[in-house]
PDB file of N, CA and C in Angstrom:
ATOM      1  N   MET A   1      24.990 129.530 209.964  1.00  0.00           N
ATOM      2  CA  MET A   1      24.245 128.949 211.072  1.00  0.00           C
ATOM      3  C   MET A   1      22.765 129.265 210.868  1.00  0.00           C
ATOM      4  N   ASP A   2      21.919 128.284 210.975  1.00  0.00           N
ATOM      5  CA  ASP A   2      20.500 128.507 210.731  1.00  0.00           C
ATOM      6  C   ASP A   2      19.797 129.066 211.968  1.00  0.00           C
ATOM      7  N   THR A   3      18.590 129.557 211.764  1.00  0.00           N
ATOM      8  CA  THR A   3      17.814 130.200 212.822  1.00  0.00           C
ATOM      9  C   THR A   3      17.523 129.254 213.973  1.00  0.00           C
ATOM     10  N   CYS A   4      17.174 128.020 213.660  1.00  0.00           N
ATOM     11  CA  CYS A   4      16.865 127.027 214.694  1.00  0.00           C
ATOM     12  C   CYS A   4      18.083 126.796 215.586  1.00  0.00           C
ATOM     13  N   ARG A   5      19.234 126.662 214.997  1.00  0.00           N
ATOM     14  CA  ARG A   5      20.474 126.417 215.750  1.00  0.00           C
ATOM     15  C   ARG A   5      20.801 127.603 216.648  1.00  0.00           C
ATOM     16  N   ARG A   6      20.635 128.817 216.150  1.00  0.00           N
ATOM     17  CA  ARG A   6      20.892 130.009 216.968  1.00  0.00           C
ATOM     18  C   ARG A   6      19.937 130.063 218.143  1.00  0.00           C
ATOM     19  N   SER A   7      18.680 129.723 217.909  1.00  0.00           N
ATOM     20  CA  SER A   7      17.682 129.707 218.974  1.00  0.00           C
ATOM     21  C   SER A   7      18.054 128.682 220.045  1.00  0.00           C
ATOM     22  N   GLU A   8      18.485 127.507 219.618  1.00  0.00           N
ATOM     23  CA  GLU A   8      18.890 126.476 220.569  1.00  0.00           C
ATOM     24  C   GLU A   8      20.129 126.902 221.349  1.00  0.00           C
ATOM     25  N   ASP A   9      21.059 127.588 220.692  1.00  0.00           N
ATOM     26  CA  ASP A   9      22.244 128.103 221.385  1.00  0.00           C
ATOM     27  C   ASP A   9      21.843 129.118 222.451  1.00  0.00           C
ATOM     28  N   ARG A  10      20.893 129.991 222.124  1.00  0.00           N
ATOM     29  CA  ARG A  10      20.407 130.978 223.099  1.00  0.00           C
ATOM     30  C   ARG A  10      19.738 130.281 224.277  1.00  0.00           C
ATOM     31  N   GLN A  11      18.931 129.269 223.983  1.00  0.00           N
ATOM     32  CA  GLN A  11      18.268 128.523 225.050  1.00  0.00           C
ATOM     33  C   GLN A  11      19.298 127.854 225.956  1.00  0.00           C
ATOM     34  N   LEU A  12      20.326 127.296 225.374  1.00  0.00           N
ATOM     35  CA  LEU A  12      21.386 126.656 226.143  1.00  0.00           C
ATOM     36  C   LEU A  12      22.095 127.677 227.028  1.00  0.00           C
ATOM     37  N   ASP A  13      22.414 128.841 226.473  1.00  0.00           N
ATOM     38  CA  ASP A  13      23.056 129.902 227.251  1.00  0.00           C
ATOM     39  C   ASP A  13      22.177 130.357 228.413  1.00  0.00           C
ATOM     40  N   LEU A  14      20.882 130.513 228.163  1.00  0.00           N
ATOM     41  CA  LEU A  14      19.963 130.934 229.226  1.00  0.00           C
ATOM     42  C   LEU A  14      19.881 129.893 230.334  1.00  0.00           C
ATOM     43  N   LEU A  15      19.774 128.635 229.963  1.00  0.00           N
ATOM     44  CA  LEU A  15      19.725 127.572 230.971  1.00  0.00           C
ATOM     45  C   LEU A  15      21.007 127.551 231.798  1.00  0.00           C
ATOM     46  N   ARG A  16      22.135 127.699 231.140  1.00  0.00           N
ATOM     47  CA  ARG A  16      23.416 127.687 231.856  1.00  0.00           C
ATOM     48  C   ARG A  16      23.535 128.861 232.819  1.00  0.00           C
ATOM     49  N   SER A  17      23.023 130.013 232.437  1.00  0.00           N
ATOM     50  CA  SER A  17      23.115 131.174 233.325  1.00  0.00           C
ATOM     51  C   SER A  17      22.115 131.094 234.473  1.00  0.00           C
ATOM     52  N   GLU A  18      20.983 130.450 234.252  1.00  0.00           N
ATOM     53  CA  GLU A  18      19.956 130.347 235.290  1.00  0.00           C
ATOM     54  C   GLU A  18      20.238 129.217 236.277  1.00  0.00           C
ATOM     55  N   PHE A  19      20.810 128.131 235.811  1.00  0.00           N
ATOM     56  CA  PHE A  19      21.020 126.947 236.651  1.00  0.00           C
ATOM     57  C   PHE A  19      22.518 126.657 236.757  1.00  0.00           C
ATOM     58  N   THR A  20      23.210 127.494 237.512  1.00  0.00           N
ATOM     59  CA  THR A  20      24.666 127.403 237.605  1.00  0.00           C
ATOM     60  C   THR A  20      25.149 126.196 238.404  1.00  0.00           C
ATOM     61  N   GLY A  21      24.269 125.539 239.119  1.00  0.00           N
ATOM     62  CA  GLY A  21      24.647 124.345 239.869  1.00  0.00           C
ATOM     63  C   GLY A  21      24.679 123.087 239.026  1.00  0.00           C
ATOM     64  N   HIS A  22      24.367 123.226 237.754  1.00  0.00           N
ATOM     65  CA  HIS A  22      24.371 122.091 236.828  1.00  0.00           C
ATOM     66  C   HIS A  22      25.275 122.398 235.638  1.00  0.00           C
ATOM     67  N   ARG A  23      25.840 121.365 235.076  1.00  0.00           N
ATOM     68  CA  ARG A  23      26.514 121.463 233.782  1.00  0.00           C
ATOM     69  C   ARG A  23      25.451 121.095 232.752  1.00  0.00           C
ATOM     70  N   ILE A  24      25.125 122.010 231.879  1.00  0.00           N
ATOM     71  CA  ILE A  24      24.036 121.787 230.924  1.00  0.00           C
ATOM     72  C   ILE A  24      24.619 121.669 229.519  1.00  0.00           C
ATOM     73  N   TRP A  25      24.192 120.636 228.820  1.00  0.00           N
ATOM     74  CA  TRP A  25      24.755 120.341 227.508  1.00  0.00           C
ATOM     75  C   TRP A  25      23.757 119.554 226.676  1.00  0.00           C
ATOM     76  N   ARG A  26      24.093 119.383 225.414  1.00  0.00           N
ATOM     77  CA  ARG A  26      23.253 118.604 224.488  1.00  0.00           C
ATOM     78  C   ARG A  26      23.939 117.281 224.200  1.00  0.00           C
ATOM     79  N   SER A  27      23.168 116.223 224.216  1.00  0.00           N
ATOM     80  CA  SER A  27      23.720 114.924 223.830  1.00  0.00           C
ATOM     81  C   SER A  27      23.860 114.888 222.306  1.00  0.00           C
ATOM     82  N   ILE A  28      24.646 113.954 221.853  1.00  0.00           N
ATOM     83  CA  ILE A  28      24.839 113.761 220.417  1.00  0.00           C
ATOM     84  C   ILE A  28      24.213 112.422 220.029  1.00  0.00           C
ATOM     85  N   ARG A  29      23.351 112.465 219.032  1.00  0.00           N
ATOM     86  CA  ARG A  29      22.674 111.255 218.562  1.00  0.00           C
ATOM     87  C   ARG A  29      23.622 110.394 217.738  1.00  0.00           C
ATOM     88  N   TRP A  30      23.159 109.224 217.389  1.00  0.00           N
ATOM     89  CA  TRP A  30      23.935 108.270 216.598  1.00  0.00           C
ATOM     90  C   TRP A  30      24.344 108.833 215.239  1.00  0.00           C
ATOM     91  N   ASP A  31      23.531 109.782 214.718  1.00  0.00           N
ATOM     92  CA  ASP A  31      23.808 110.341 213.393  1.00  0.00           C
ATOM     93  C   ASP A  31      24.627 111.633 213.444  1.00  0.00           C
ATOM     94  N   GLY A  32      25.117 111.977 214.629  1.00  0.00           N
ATOM     95  CA  GLY A  32      25.946 113.164 214.777  1.00  0.00           C
ATOM     96  C   GLY A  32      25.185 114.448 215.043  1.00  0.00           C
ATOM     97  N   GLN A  33      23.865 114.408 215.015  1.00  0.00           N
ATOM     98  CA  GLN A  33      23.039 115.584 215.283  1.00  0.00           C
ATOM     99  C   GLN A  33      22.843 115.743 216.794  1.00  0.00           C
ATOM    100  N   PHE A  34      22.461 116.953 217.202  1.00  0.00           N
ATOM    101  CA  PHE A  34      22.173 117.167 218.614  1.00  0.00           C
ATOM    102  C   PHE A  34      20.916 116.414 219.007  1.00  0.00           C
ATOM    103  N   GLY A  35      20.936 115.876 220.224  1.00  0.00           N
ATOM    104  CA  GLY A  35      19.806 115.109 220.733  1.00  0.00           C
ATOM    105  C   GLY A  35      19.203 115.762 221.964  1.00  0.00           C
ATOM    106  N   ASP A  36      19.071 114.975 223.022  1.00  0.00           N
ATOM    107  CA  ASP A  36      18.421 115.428 224.248  1.00  0.00           C
ATOM    108  C   ASP A  36      19.201 116.532 224.949  1.00  0.00           C
ATOM    109  N   TRP A  37      18.487 117.220 225.832  1.00  0.00           N
ATOM    110  CA  TRP A  37      19.051 118.262 226.673  1.00  0.00           C
ATOM    111  C   TRP A  37      19.393 117.610 228.011  1.00  0.00           C
ATOM    112  N   VAL A  38      20.625 117.820 228.487  1.00  0.00           N
ATOM    113  CA  VAL A  38      21.115 117.110 229.666  1.00  0.00           C
ATOM    114  C   VAL A  38      21.644 118.110 230.689  1.00  0.00           C
ATOM    115  N   ALA A  39      21.349 117.834 231.970  1.00  0.00           N
ATOM    116  CA  ALA A  39      21.902 118.625 233.067  1.00  0.00           C
ATOM    117  C   ALA A  39      22.555 117.666 234.050  1.00  0.00           C
ATOM    118  N   SER A  40      23.848 117.855 234.279  1.00  0.00           N
ATOM    119  CA  SER A  40      24.590 117.052 235.245  1.00  0.00           C
ATOM    120  C   SER A  40      24.794 117.898 236.497  1.00  0.00           C
ATOM    121  N   LEU A  41      24.417 117.364 237.632  1.00  0.00           N
ATOM    122  CA  LEU A  41      24.493 118.098 238.893  1.00  0.00           C
ATOM    123  C   LEU A  41      25.944 118.346 239.281  1.00  0.00           C
ATOM    124  N   HIS A  42      26.269 119.596 239.568  1.00  0.00           N
ATOM    125  CA  HIS A  42      27.612 119.986 239.984  1.00  0.00           C
ATOM    126  C   HIS A  42      27.599 120.431 241.443  1.00  0.00           C
ATOM    127  N   ASP A  43      26.535 121.081 241.864  1.00  0.00           N
ATOM    128  CA  ASP A  43      26.385 121.599 243.226  1.00  0.00           C
ATOM    129  C   ASP A  43      25.209 120.883 243.889  1.00  0.00           C
ATOM    130  N   PRO A  44      25.445 120.074 244.925  1.00  0.00           N
ATOM    131  CA  PRO A  44      24.363 119.322 245.566  1.00  0.00           C
ATOM    132  C   PRO A  44      23.239 120.198 246.122  1.00  0.00           C
ATOM    133  N   ASP A  45      23.502 121.464 246.348  1.00  0.00           N
ATOM    134  CA  ASP A  45      22.444 122.369 246.807  1.00  0.00           C
ATOM    135  C   ASP A  45      21.486 122.750 245.683  1.00  0.00           C
ATOM    136  N   ALA A  46      21.826 122.421 244.446  1.00  0.00           N
ATOM    137  CA  ALA A  46      21.014 122.821 243.293  1.00  0.00           C
ATOM    138  C   ALA A  46      20.038 121.752 242.833  1.00  0.00           C
ATOM    139  N   GLY A  47      20.185 120.536 243.339  1.00  0.00           N
ATOM    140  CA  GLY A  47      19.301 119.468 242.892  1.00  0.00           C
ATOM    141  C   GLY A  47      19.509 118.197 243.677  1.00  0.00           C
ATOM    142  N   VAL A  48      18.784 117.166 243.281  1.00  0.00           N
ATOM    143  CA  VAL A  48      18.855 115.867 243.950  1.00  0.00           C
ATOM    144  C   VAL A  48      19.369 114.802 242.982  1.00  0.00           C
ATOM    145  N   ASP A  49      18.745 114.698 241.828  1.00  0.00           N
ATOM    146  CA  ASP A  49      19.154 113.693 240.847  1.00  0.00           C
ATOM    147  C   ASP A  49      20.483 114.096 240.205  1.00  0.00           C
ATOM    148  N   PRO A  50      21.421 113.159 240.080  1.00  0.00           N
ATOM    149  CA  PRO A  50      22.728 113.519 239.522  1.00  0.00           C
ATOM    150  C   PRO A  50      22.696 113.901 238.043  1.00  0.00           C
ATOM    151  N   THR A  51      21.748 113.346 237.301  1.00  0.00           N
ATOM    152  CA  THR A  51      21.626 113.660 235.875  1.00  0.00           C
ATOM    153  C   THR A  51      20.157 113.759 235.503  1.00  0.00           C
ATOM    154  N   VAL A  52      19.820 114.807 234.768  1.00  0.00           N
ATOM    155  CA  VAL A  52      18.453 115.002 234.279  1.00  0.00           C
ATOM    156  C   VAL A  52      18.530 115.073 232.757  1.00  0.00           C
ATOM    157  N   ILE A  53      17.684 114.303 232.087  1.00  0.00           N
ATOM    158  CA  ILE A  53      17.674 114.268 230.622  1.00  0.00           C
ATOM    159  C   ILE A  53      16.256 114.552 230.139  1.00  0.00           C
ATOM    160  N   CYS A  54      16.117 115.546 229.256  1.00  0.00           N
ATOM    161  CA  CYS A  54      14.803 115.919 228.712  1.00  0.00           C
ATOM    162  C   CYS A  54      14.917 116.092 227.200  1.00  0.00           C
ATOM    163  N   SER A  55      13.781 116.030 226.542  1.00  0.00           N
ATOM    164  CA  SER A  55      13.791 116.094 225.080  1.00  0.00           C
ATOM    165  C   SER A  55      13.829 117.519 224.526  1.00  0.00           C
ATOM    166  N   ASP A  56      13.544 118.519 225.377  1.00  0.00           N
ATOM    167  CA  ASP A  56      13.599 119.905 224.899  1.00  0.00           C
ATOM    168  C   ASP A  56      13.989 120.841 226.040  1.00  0.00           C
ATOM    169  N   ALA A  57      14.358 122.061 225.684  1.00  0.00           N
ATOM    170  CA  ALA A  57      14.851 123.033 226.657  1.00  0.00           C
ATOM    171  C   ALA A  57      13.784 123.430 227.674  1.00  0.00           C
ATOM    172  N   ALA A  58      12.555 123.607 227.238  1.00  0.00           N
ATOM    173  CA  ALA A  58      11.487 124.027 228.151  1.00  0.00           C
ATOM    174  C   ALA A  58      11.236 122.977 229.227  1.00  0.00           C
ATOM    175  N   THR A  59      11.226 121.721 228.830  1.00  0.00           N
ATOM    176  CA  THR A  59      11.014 120.644 229.797  1.00  0.00           C
ATOM    177  C   THR A  59      12.197 120.537 230.748  1.00  0.00           C
ATOM    178  N   LEU A  60      13.408 120.731 230.242  1.00  0.00           N
ATOM    179  CA  LEU A  60      14.579 120.703 231.115  1.00  0.00           C
ATOM    180  C   LEU A  60      14.494 121.832 232.133  1.00  0.00           C
ATOM    181  N   ARG A  61      14.101 123.014 231.709  1.00  0.00           N
ATOM    182  CA  ARG A  61      13.972 124.144 232.634  1.00  0.00           C
ATOM    183  C   ARG A  61      12.959 123.827 233.733  1.00  0.00           C
ATOM    184  N   GLU A  62      11.793 123.317 233.364  1.00  0.00           N
ATOM    185  CA  GLU A  62      10.767 122.959 234.349  1.00  0.00           C
ATOM    186  C   GLU A  62      11.291 121.910 235.324  1.00  0.00           C
ATOM    187  N   THR A  63      11.995 120.935 234.802  1.00  0.00           N
ATOM    188  CA  THR A  63      12.534 119.866 235.640  1.00  0.00           C
ATOM    189  C   THR A  63      13.593 120.400 236.596  1.00  0.00           C
ATOM    190  N   LEU A  64      14.437 121.318 236.135  1.00  0.00           N
ATOM    191  CA  LEU A  64      15.469 121.877 237.004  1.00  0.00           C
ATOM    192  C   LEU A  64      14.871 122.771 238.088  1.00  0.00           C
ATOM    193  N   ILE A  65      13.773 123.432 237.807  1.00  0.00           N
ATOM    194  CA  ILE A  65      13.072 124.198 238.844  1.00  0.00           C
ATOM    195  C   ILE A  65      12.570 123.245 239.920  1.00  0.00           C
ATOM    196  N   LYS A  66      11.999 122.122 239.509  1.00  0.00           N
ATOM    197  CA  LYS A  66      11.539 121.107 240.472  1.00  0.00           C
ATOM    198  C   LYS A  66      12.715 120.539 241.259  1.00  0.00           C
ATOM    199  N   GLU A  67      13.827 120.328 240.586  1.00  0.00           N
ATOM    200  CA  GLU A  67      15.024 119.828 241.263  1.00  0.00           C
ATOM    201  C   GLU A  67      15.481 120.804 242.349  1.00  0.00           C
ATOM    202  N   ALA A  68      15.454 122.092 242.052  1.00  0.00           N
ATOM    203  CA  ALA A  68      15.856 123.095 243.047  1.00  0.00           C
ATOM    204  C   ALA A  68      14.929 123.052 244.256  1.00  0.00           C
ATOM    205  N   ARG A  69      13.641 122.876 244.014  1.00  0.00           N
ATOM    206  CA  ARG A  69      12.683 122.764 245.121  1.00  0.00           C
ATOM    207  C   ARG A  69      12.947 121.513 245.951  1.00  0.00           C
ATOM    208  N   ARG A  70      13.225 120.418 245.275  1.00  0.00           N
ATOM    209  CA  ARG A  70      13.528 119.171 245.992  1.00  0.00           C
ATOM    210  C   ARG A  70      14.777 119.322 246.853  1.00  0.00           C
ATOM    211  N   ALA A  71      15.791 119.978 246.318  1.00  0.00           N
ATOM    212  CA  ALA A  71      17.031 120.184 247.071  1.00  0.00           C
ATOM    213  C   ALA A  71      16.781 121.080 248.279  1.00  0.00           C
ATOM    214  N   ALA A  72      15.974 122.124 248.092  1.00  0.00           N
ATOM    215  CA  ALA A  72      15.649 123.022 249.207  1.00  0.00           C
ATOM    216  C   ALA A  72      14.882 122.268 250.289  1.00  0.00           C
ATOM    217  N   ALA A  73      13.942 121.427 249.887  1.00  0.00           N
ATOM    218  CA  ALA A  73      13.168 120.640 250.854  1.00  0.00           C
ATOM    219  C   ALA A  73      14.083 119.682 251.606  1.00  0.00           C
ATOM    220  N   ARG A  74      15.010 119.123 250.917  1.00  0.00           N
ATOM    221  CA  ARG A  74      15.963 118.197 251.538  1.00  0.00           C
ATOM    222  C   ARG A  74      16.818 118.908 252.586  1.00  0.00           C
ATOM    223  N   ARG A  75      17.125 120.165 252.333  1.00  0.00           N
ATOM    224  CA  ARG A  75      17.902 120.962 253.283  1.00  0.00           C
ATOM    225  C   ARG A  75      17.019 121.572 254.365  1.00  0.00           C
ATOM    226  N   GLY A  76      15.702 121.377 254.261  1.00  0.00           N
ATOM    227  CA  GLY A  76      14.783 121.917 255.251  1.00  0.00           C
ATOM    228  C   GLY A  76      14.413 123.369 255.035  1.00  0.00           C
ATOM    229  N   LEU A  77      14.583 123.861 253.825  1.00  0.00           N
ATOM    230  CA  LEU A  77      14.277 125.260 253.537  1.00  0.00           C
ATOM    231  C   LEU A  77      12.862 125.457 253.039  1.00  0.00           C
ATOM    232  N   ARG A  78      12.152 124.382 252.728  1.00  0.00           N
ATOM    233  CA  ARG A  78      10.766 124.492 252.278  1.00  0.00           C
ATOM    234  C   ARG A  78       9.952 123.398 252.853  1.00  0.00           C
TER     235      ARG A  78
END
C-alpha cells in the first residue's frame, strides 16, 4: 500500500469518526480508481442536503461543518 493511499484511508477514518451522522465513502471512477469524496446523510440532525460530493477530504470536511450548522439553524439552535 502506498503512502498516498494510507493517508487517504486515515482521512476517511477521521471524517467517519467526526461526522457520524453521515455515511462517508469514496466514489469509484470509470477507470476503477477512487474518485470524489461522498457523504450520504444518515441522521437528519447532522445535515440538510441528502448527499454531499467534494473533490477532496478537506473540502468535504468544511462542507460537512456547514451542513451541521445548517441543520442546527433549521432546528432553531443557532
